[in-house]
Amino acid sequence: GLWNGQTGQLLAQIAPSNTPTEIGFESDPNHVLITPIPGGPVYQWNTRIDDAIAYACRMAGRDFTEEEWATEFGDRPYQETCPHE
């Protein structure tokens, strides 16, 4: 998991597998390298929130509905998340 160091809020997570995995930061603290042991593909995880939002918007192809927003964020006022093109 990736937590906000000031608030302790969980920002992102990946599901663990049964394969031993090594995870480490690059020289850029906004990128994490993930690789199974022994060997295998190396994945680079960009931890910037703006990049995560952009990726989620591309995958969903749309913004939250107001009902989805309320389910995920409770009483927080609705706001558009995905840019319109």
N, C-alpha and C. Protein backbone atom coordinates (compact mmCIF):
# COMPACT_ATOMS: atom_id res chain seq x y z
N GLY A 1 0.82 -1.18 0.00
CA GLY A 1 0.00 0.00 0.00
C GLY A 1 0.87 1.24 0.00
N LEU A 2 0.29 2.34 -0.46
CA LEU A 2 0.94 3.63 -0.46
C LEU A 2 0.10 4.57 0.38
N TRP A 3 0.72 5.11 1.44
CA TRP A 3 0.00 5.97 2.37
C TRP A 3 0.54 7.39 2.31
N ASN A 4 -0.33 8.35 2.61
CA ASN A 4 0.08 9.73 2.78
C ASN A 4 0.86 9.81 4.08
N GLY A 5 2.11 10.25 4.03
CA GLY A 5 2.96 10.26 5.21
C GLY A 5 2.51 11.24 6.28
N GLN A 6 1.70 12.24 5.93
CA GLN A 6 1.24 13.22 6.90
C GLN A 6 -0.07 12.81 7.54
N THR A 7 -0.99 12.25 6.75
CA THR A 7 -2.33 11.93 7.27
C THR A 7 -2.52 10.45 7.56
N GLY A 8 -1.68 9.59 6.98
CA GLY A 8 -1.87 8.15 7.14
C GLY A 8 -2.93 7.59 6.22
N GLN A 9 -3.51 8.41 5.34
CA GLN A 9 -4.54 7.96 4.41
C GLN A 9 -3.95 7.02 3.36
N LEU A 10 -4.63 5.89 3.11
CA LEU A 10 -4.22 4.97 2.06
C LEU A 10 -4.52 5.61 0.72
N LEU A 11 -3.50 5.79 -0.12
CA LEU A 11 -3.66 6.45 -1.41
C LEU A 11 -3.83 5.46 -2.56
N ALA A 12 -3.12 4.34 -2.48
CA ALA A 12 -3.18 3.35 -3.56
C ALA A 12 -2.66 2.03 -3.02
N GLN A 13 -3.03 0.94 -3.70
CA GLN A 13 -2.54 -0.35 -3.28
C GLN A 13 -2.52 -1.32 -4.44
N ILE A 14 -1.70 -2.34 -4.32
CA ILE A 14 -1.69 -3.41 -5.30
C ILE A 14 -1.99 -4.71 -4.57
N ALA A 15 -2.59 -5.63 -5.28
CA ALA A 15 -2.92 -6.92 -4.67
C ALA A 15 -1.67 -7.80 -4.64
N PRO A 16 -1.34 -8.35 -3.50
CA PRO A 16 -0.17 -9.23 -3.44
C PRO A 16 -0.42 -10.54 -4.16
N SER A 17 0.64 -11.14 -4.62
CA SER A 17 0.54 -12.46 -5.24
C SER A 17 1.31 -13.44 -4.37
N ASN A 18 1.30 -14.69 -4.76
CA ASN A 18 2.05 -15.71 -4.04
C ASN A 18 3.53 -15.71 -4.44
N THR A 19 3.88 -14.88 -5.44
CA THR A 19 5.25 -14.80 -5.91
C THR A 19 6.02 -13.80 -5.04
N PRO A 20 7.18 -14.20 -4.51
CA PRO A 20 7.99 -13.22 -3.77
C PRO A 20 8.29 -12.03 -4.69
N THR A 21 8.20 -10.85 -4.16
CA THR A 21 8.34 -9.63 -4.96
C THR A 21 9.27 -8.66 -4.26
N GLU A 22 10.05 -7.95 -5.05
CA GLU A 22 10.90 -6.89 -4.51
C GLU A 22 10.37 -5.56 -5.01
N ILE A 23 10.30 -4.59 -4.10
CA ILE A 23 9.78 -3.27 -4.42
C ILE A 23 10.77 -2.24 -3.91
N GLY A 24 11.06 -1.22 -4.71
CA GLY A 24 11.97 -0.17 -4.28
C GLY A 24 11.73 1.12 -5.04
N PHE A 25 12.16 2.22 -4.46
CA PHE A 25 12.04 3.52 -5.11
C PHE A 25 13.20 3.75 -6.06
N GLU A 26 12.93 4.49 -7.13
CA GLU A 26 13.99 4.95 -8.01
C GLU A 26 14.58 6.21 -7.40
N SER A 27 15.50 6.86 -8.12
CA SER A 27 16.03 8.13 -7.65
C SER A 27 14.93 9.19 -7.62
N ASP A 28 13.92 9.05 -8.46
CA ASP A 28 12.74 9.92 -8.43
C ASP A 28 11.77 9.31 -7.42
N PRO A 29 11.47 9.98 -6.32
CA PRO A 29 10.63 9.38 -5.29
C PRO A 29 9.17 9.18 -5.71
N ASN A 30 8.81 9.63 -6.91
CA ASN A 30 7.44 9.44 -7.39
C ASN A 30 7.28 8.17 -8.22
N HIS A 31 8.32 7.37 -8.30
CA HIS A 31 8.26 6.12 -9.06
C HIS A 31 8.73 4.96 -8.20
N VAL A 32 7.99 3.89 -8.25
CA VAL A 32 8.33 2.67 -7.53
C VAL A 32 8.57 1.58 -8.56
N LEU A 33 9.62 0.79 -8.36
CA LEU A 33 9.90 -0.36 -9.22
C LEU A 33 9.45 -1.62 -8.51
N ILE A 34 8.75 -2.49 -9.24
CA ILE A 34 8.22 -3.72 -8.68
C ILE A 34 8.64 -4.87 -9.60
N THR A 35 9.23 -5.91 -9.02
CA THR A 35 9.65 -7.06 -9.83
C THR A 35 9.50 -8.35 -9.04
N PRO A 36 9.04 -9.42 -9.69
CA PRO A 36 8.99 -10.72 -9.00
C PRO A 36 10.41 -11.28 -8.84
N ILE A 37 10.58 -12.07 -7.83
CA ILE A 37 11.88 -12.71 -7.56
C ILE A 37 11.73 -14.20 -7.84
N PRO A 38 12.54 -14.91 -8.53
CA PRO A 38 13.75 -14.43 -9.18
C PRO A 38 13.44 -13.99 -10.60
N GLY A 39 13.85 -12.83 -10.98
CA GLY A 39 13.69 -12.33 -12.35
C GLY A 39 12.25 -12.11 -12.74
N GLY A 40 12.07 -11.72 -13.95
CA GLY A 40 10.74 -11.46 -14.47
C GLY A 40 10.61 -10.01 -14.90
N PRO A 41 9.44 -9.62 -15.34
CA PRO A 41 9.27 -8.24 -15.80
C PRO A 41 9.40 -7.26 -14.64
N VAL A 42 9.88 -6.07 -14.94
CA VAL A 42 9.97 -4.99 -13.95
C VAL A 42 8.86 -4.00 -14.27
N TYR A 43 8.06 -3.67 -13.28
CA TYR A 43 6.98 -2.71 -13.45
C TYR A 43 7.35 -1.42 -12.76
N GLN A 44 7.03 -0.32 -13.40
CA GLN A 44 7.26 0.99 -12.81
C GLN A 44 5.91 1.58 -12.45
N TRP A 45 5.72 1.94 -11.17
CA TRP A 45 4.47 2.49 -10.68
C TRP A 45 4.69 3.95 -10.37
N ASN A 46 4.00 4.82 -11.11
CA ASN A 46 4.07 6.26 -10.88
C ASN A 46 3.09 6.58 -9.76
N THR A 47 3.56 7.18 -8.68
CA THR A 47 2.72 7.42 -7.51
C THR A 47 2.10 8.81 -7.48
N ARG A 48 2.29 9.61 -8.51
CA ARG A 48 1.69 10.95 -8.54
C ARG A 48 0.17 10.81 -8.67
N ILE A 49 -0.56 11.52 -7.83
CA ILE A 49 -2.03 11.42 -7.81
C ILE A 49 -2.65 11.87 -9.13
N ASP A 50 -2.10 12.91 -9.76
CA ASP A 50 -2.65 13.38 -11.03
C ASP A 50 -2.55 12.31 -12.10
N ASP A 51 -1.44 11.57 -12.11
CA ASP A 51 -1.27 10.49 -13.09
C ASP A 51 -2.23 9.34 -12.80
N ALA A 52 -2.47 9.05 -11.53
CA ALA A 52 -3.41 7.99 -11.17
C ALA A 52 -4.83 8.36 -11.59
N ILE A 53 -5.20 9.60 -11.39
CA ILE A 53 -6.54 10.07 -11.80
C ILE A 53 -6.68 10.00 -13.31
N ALA A 54 -5.66 10.47 -14.03
CA ALA A 54 -5.71 10.44 -15.50
C ALA A 54 -5.84 9.01 -16.01
N TYR A 55 -5.11 8.07 -15.40
CA TYR A 55 -5.19 6.67 -15.79
C TYR A 55 -6.60 6.12 -15.53
N ALA A 56 -7.14 6.40 -14.35
CA ALA A 56 -8.49 5.92 -14.02
C ALA A 56 -9.52 6.49 -14.98
N CYS A 57 -9.38 7.74 -15.35
CA CYS A 57 -10.32 8.36 -16.29
C CYS A 57 -10.24 7.70 -17.67
N ARG A 58 -9.00 7.40 -18.11
CA ARG A 58 -8.84 6.72 -19.40
C ARG A 58 -9.48 5.33 -19.36
N MET A 59 -9.29 4.61 -18.26
CA MET A 59 -9.84 3.26 -18.15
C MET A 59 -11.36 3.28 -18.09
N ALA A 60 -11.92 4.21 -17.33
CA ALA A 60 -13.37 4.29 -17.17
C ALA A 60 -14.02 4.92 -18.40
N GLY A 61 -13.32 5.83 -19.04
CA GLY A 61 -13.88 6.50 -20.22
C GLY A 61 -14.93 7.54 -19.86
N ARG A 62 -15.03 7.88 -18.58
CA ARG A 62 -16.05 8.85 -18.15
C ARG A 62 -15.76 9.28 -16.72
N ASP A 63 -16.53 10.24 -16.26
CA ASP A 63 -16.40 10.74 -14.90
C ASP A 63 -17.32 9.95 -13.97
N PHE A 64 -17.18 10.16 -12.66
CA PHE A 64 -18.13 9.59 -11.70
C PHE A 64 -19.52 10.15 -11.95
N THR A 65 -20.55 9.35 -11.74
CA THR A 65 -21.89 9.91 -11.64
C THR A 65 -22.01 10.47 -10.23
N GLU A 66 -23.02 11.30 -9.98
CA GLU A 66 -23.18 11.85 -8.63
C GLU A 66 -23.48 10.74 -7.63
N GLU A 67 -24.18 9.69 -8.05
CA GLU A 67 -24.47 8.56 -7.16
C GLU A 67 -23.19 7.79 -6.82
N GLU A 68 -22.34 7.53 -7.82
CA GLU A 68 -21.06 6.86 -7.56
C GLU A 68 -20.20 7.69 -6.62
N TRP A 69 -20.18 9.01 -6.86
CA TRP A 69 -19.39 9.90 -6.02
C TRP A 69 -19.84 9.79 -4.56
N ALA A 70 -21.16 9.84 -4.34
CA ALA A 70 -21.70 9.76 -2.98
C ALA A 70 -21.35 8.43 -2.32
N THR A 71 -21.36 7.34 -3.09
CA THR A 71 -21.01 6.03 -2.56
C THR A 71 -19.55 5.99 -2.11
N GLU A 72 -18.67 6.57 -2.90
CA GLU A 72 -17.23 6.51 -2.60
C GLU A 72 -16.77 7.59 -1.63
N PHE A 73 -17.40 8.77 -1.69
CA PHE A 73 -16.89 9.91 -0.92
C PHE A 73 -17.88 10.49 0.08
N GLY A 74 -18.99 9.81 0.26
CA GLY A 74 -19.94 10.24 1.28
C GLY A 74 -20.46 11.65 1.08
N ASP A 75 -20.31 12.48 2.10
CA ASP A 75 -20.86 13.84 2.07
C ASP A 75 -19.96 14.86 1.39
N ARG A 76 -18.81 14.43 0.93
CA ARG A 76 -17.93 15.37 0.24
C ARG A 76 -18.64 15.90 -1.00
N PRO A 77 -18.65 17.22 -1.22
CA PRO A 77 -19.36 17.78 -2.38
C PRO A 77 -18.86 17.20 -3.70
N TYR A 78 -19.79 16.92 -4.60
CA TYR A 78 -19.46 16.36 -5.91
C TYR A 78 -18.58 17.33 -6.68
N GLN A 79 -17.57 16.77 -7.36
CA GLN A 79 -16.78 17.57 -8.28
C GLN A 79 -16.38 16.70 -9.46
N GLU A 80 -16.31 17.33 -10.63
CA GLU A 80 -15.85 16.60 -11.80
C GLU A 80 -14.40 16.23 -11.60
N THR A 81 -14.04 15.03 -12.00
CA THR A 81 -12.69 14.54 -11.82
C THR A 81 -11.96 14.40 -13.15
N CYS A 82 -12.67 13.86 -14.13
CA CYS A 82 -12.05 13.62 -15.44
C CYS A 82 -12.24 14.82 -16.35
N PRO A 83 -11.16 15.24 -17.01
CA PRO A 83 -11.28 16.37 -17.94
C PRO A 83 -12.12 15.99 -19.15
N HIS A 84 -12.86 16.94 -19.64
CA HIS A 84 -13.66 16.70 -20.86
C HIS A 84 -12.82 17.06 -22.07
N GLU A 85 -12.92 16.21 -23.08
CA GLU A 85 -12.11 16.45 -24.28
C GLU A 85 -13.00 16.86 -25.41
